[in-house]
Amino acid sequence: MPWNGVCCALEREVRLSFAEATTMKRIRRYLNRFLLMALLAVPLAATGCAARYYRDPYYGQWSRREDHAYRRWQAERHERYREFSKRSREEQREYWRWRNTHRDGDWR
């Protein structure tokens, strides 16, 4: 019996009005939605910031310097800018052949 008395006393103290309960449910619902959106946004943000890697035995990863050289190569060919990854394998090989014959200081 003493347990029921304590339990009933706690229930009386914890009881919320209908308006308070509705407000709490609404806050919880919005908080859950926000947390879900944040959890979904983290991987999208992380992959958007990933570095581009195009391997070449002489130059390694894509950098600002490599991007500058790539744009120079396109200008010499009188082409509009097109992302390197969207080019065909043969065009990529052609770029790397050109890149391996031109040092970084040749166009400054």
Protein backbone atom coordinates (compact mmCIF):
# COMPACT_ATOMS: atom_id res chain seq x y z
CA MET A 1 0.00 0.00 0.00
CA PRO A 2 2.67 2.57 0.70
CA TRP A 3 3.90 2.25 -2.89
CA ASN A 4 0.49 3.18 -4.29
CA GLY A 5 0.34 6.21 -2.08
CA VAL A 6 3.71 7.47 -3.30
CA CYS A 7 2.80 6.74 -6.89
CA CYS A 8 -0.47 8.65 -6.64
CA ALA A 9 1.26 11.59 -5.00
CA LEU A 10 3.80 11.72 -7.84
CA GLU A 11 1.04 11.53 -10.43
CA ARG A 12 -0.68 14.51 -8.88
CA GLU A 13 2.54 16.54 -8.97
CA VAL A 14 3.41 15.53 -12.53
CA ARG A 15 0.00 16.00 -14.10
CA LEU A 16 -0.02 18.69 -16.71
CA SER A 17 -2.89 20.66 -18.05
CA PHE A 18 -4.12 19.80 -21.53
CA ALA A 19 -2.53 22.98 -22.98
CA GLU A 20 0.83 22.18 -21.34
CA ALA A 21 0.77 18.60 -22.63
CA THR A 22 -0.10 19.77 -26.14
CA THR A 23 2.71 22.31 -26.07
CA MET A 24 5.20 19.69 -24.88
CA LYS A 25 4.13 17.30 -27.67
CA ARG A 26 4.50 20.06 -30.25
CA ILE A 27 7.98 20.99 -28.97
CA ARG A 28 9.03 17.33 -28.99
CA ARG A 29 7.70 16.87 -32.53
CA TYR A 30 9.61 19.92 -33.87
CA LEU A 31 12.76 18.92 -32.00
CA ASN A 32 12.59 15.41 -33.50
CA ARG A 33 12.14 16.84 -36.99
CA PHE A 34 15.07 19.21 -36.52
CA LEU A 35 17.33 16.41 -35.28
CA LEU A 36 16.34 14.19 -38.19
CA MET A 37 17.09 16.95 -40.70
CA ALA A 38 20.44 17.62 -39.04
CA LEU A 39 21.35 13.93 -39.18
CA LEU A 40 20.46 13.78 -42.87
CA ALA A 41 22.30 17.01 -43.68
CA VAL A 42 25.65 16.02 -42.16
CA PRO A 43 26.57 13.39 -44.79
CA LEU A 44 25.45 15.71 -47.59
CA ALA A 45 27.59 18.53 -46.28
CA ALA A 46 30.56 16.24 -45.75
CA THR A 47 30.51 14.82 -49.29
CA GLY A 48 30.07 18.25 -50.80
CA CYS A 49 33.37 19.32 -49.31
CA ALA A 50 35.30 16.25 -50.45
CA ALA A 51 38.45 16.85 -52.44
CA ARG A 52 38.63 15.69 -56.03
CA TYR A 53 41.25 13.05 -56.68
CA TYR A 54 42.45 12.27 -60.17
CA ARG A 55 45.54 10.17 -59.99
CA ASP A 56 48.52 10.76 -62.17
CA PRO A 57 51.94 9.22 -61.48
CA TYR A 58 53.65 12.61 -61.59
CA TYR A 59 51.23 15.00 -59.93
CA GLY A 60 49.06 13.14 -57.42
CA GLN A 61 45.84 14.81 -56.29
CA TRP A 62 43.85 17.63 -57.84
CA SER A 63 44.72 21.01 -56.36
CA ARG A 64 44.36 24.70 -57.22
CA ARG A 65 47.58 24.47 -59.18
CA GLU A 66 46.25 21.48 -61.12
CA ASP A 67 42.97 23.28 -61.78
CA HIS A 68 44.90 26.28 -63.09
CA ALA A 69 46.89 24.02 -65.42
CA TYR A 70 43.69 22.30 -66.59
CA ARG A 71 42.06 25.63 -67.41
CA ARG A 72 45.20 26.67 -69.28
CA TRP A 73 45.04 23.45 -71.31
CA GLN A 74 41.41 24.17 -72.20
CA ALA A 75 42.24 27.74 -73.21
CA GLU A 76 45.00 26.50 -75.52
CA ARG A 77 42.46 24.17 -77.14
CA HIS A 78 39.93 27.05 -77.42
CA GLU A 79 37.33 25.11 -75.42
CA ARG A 80 34.78 26.25 -72.88
CA TYR A 81 35.23 25.01 -69.32
CA ARG A 82 34.07 21.46 -68.74
CA GLU A 83 34.65 19.59 -65.51
CA PHE A 84 37.49 17.10 -65.78
CA SER A 85 35.42 14.20 -64.44
CA LYS A 86 32.86 14.69 -67.23
CA ARG A 87 35.48 14.24 -69.97
CA SER A 88 36.03 10.94 -71.74
CA ARG A 89 38.95 8.75 -70.69
CA GLU A 90 40.78 9.59 -73.91
CA GLU A 91 40.44 13.34 -73.26
CA GLN A 92 41.67 12.84 -69.69
CA ARG A 93 44.69 10.91 -70.97
CA GLU A 94 45.34 13.66 -73.49
CA TYR A 95 45.32 16.24 -70.70
CA TRP A 96 47.75 14.20 -68.60
CA ARG A 97 50.07 13.81 -71.61
CA TRP A 98 50.01 17.60 -72.05
CA ARG A 99 50.43 18.17 -68.30
CA ASN A 100 53.46 15.91 -68.06
CA THR A 101 55.22 17.95 -70.76
CA HIS A 102 54.46 21.34 -69.17
CA ARG A 103 55.96 22.36 -65.87
CA ASP A 104 54.04 24.58 -63.42
CA GLY A 105 56.14 27.66 -64.19
CA ASP A 106 55.60 27.53 -67.96
CA TRP A 107 52.42 29.62 -67.96
CA ARG A 108 53.02 32.15 -65.19
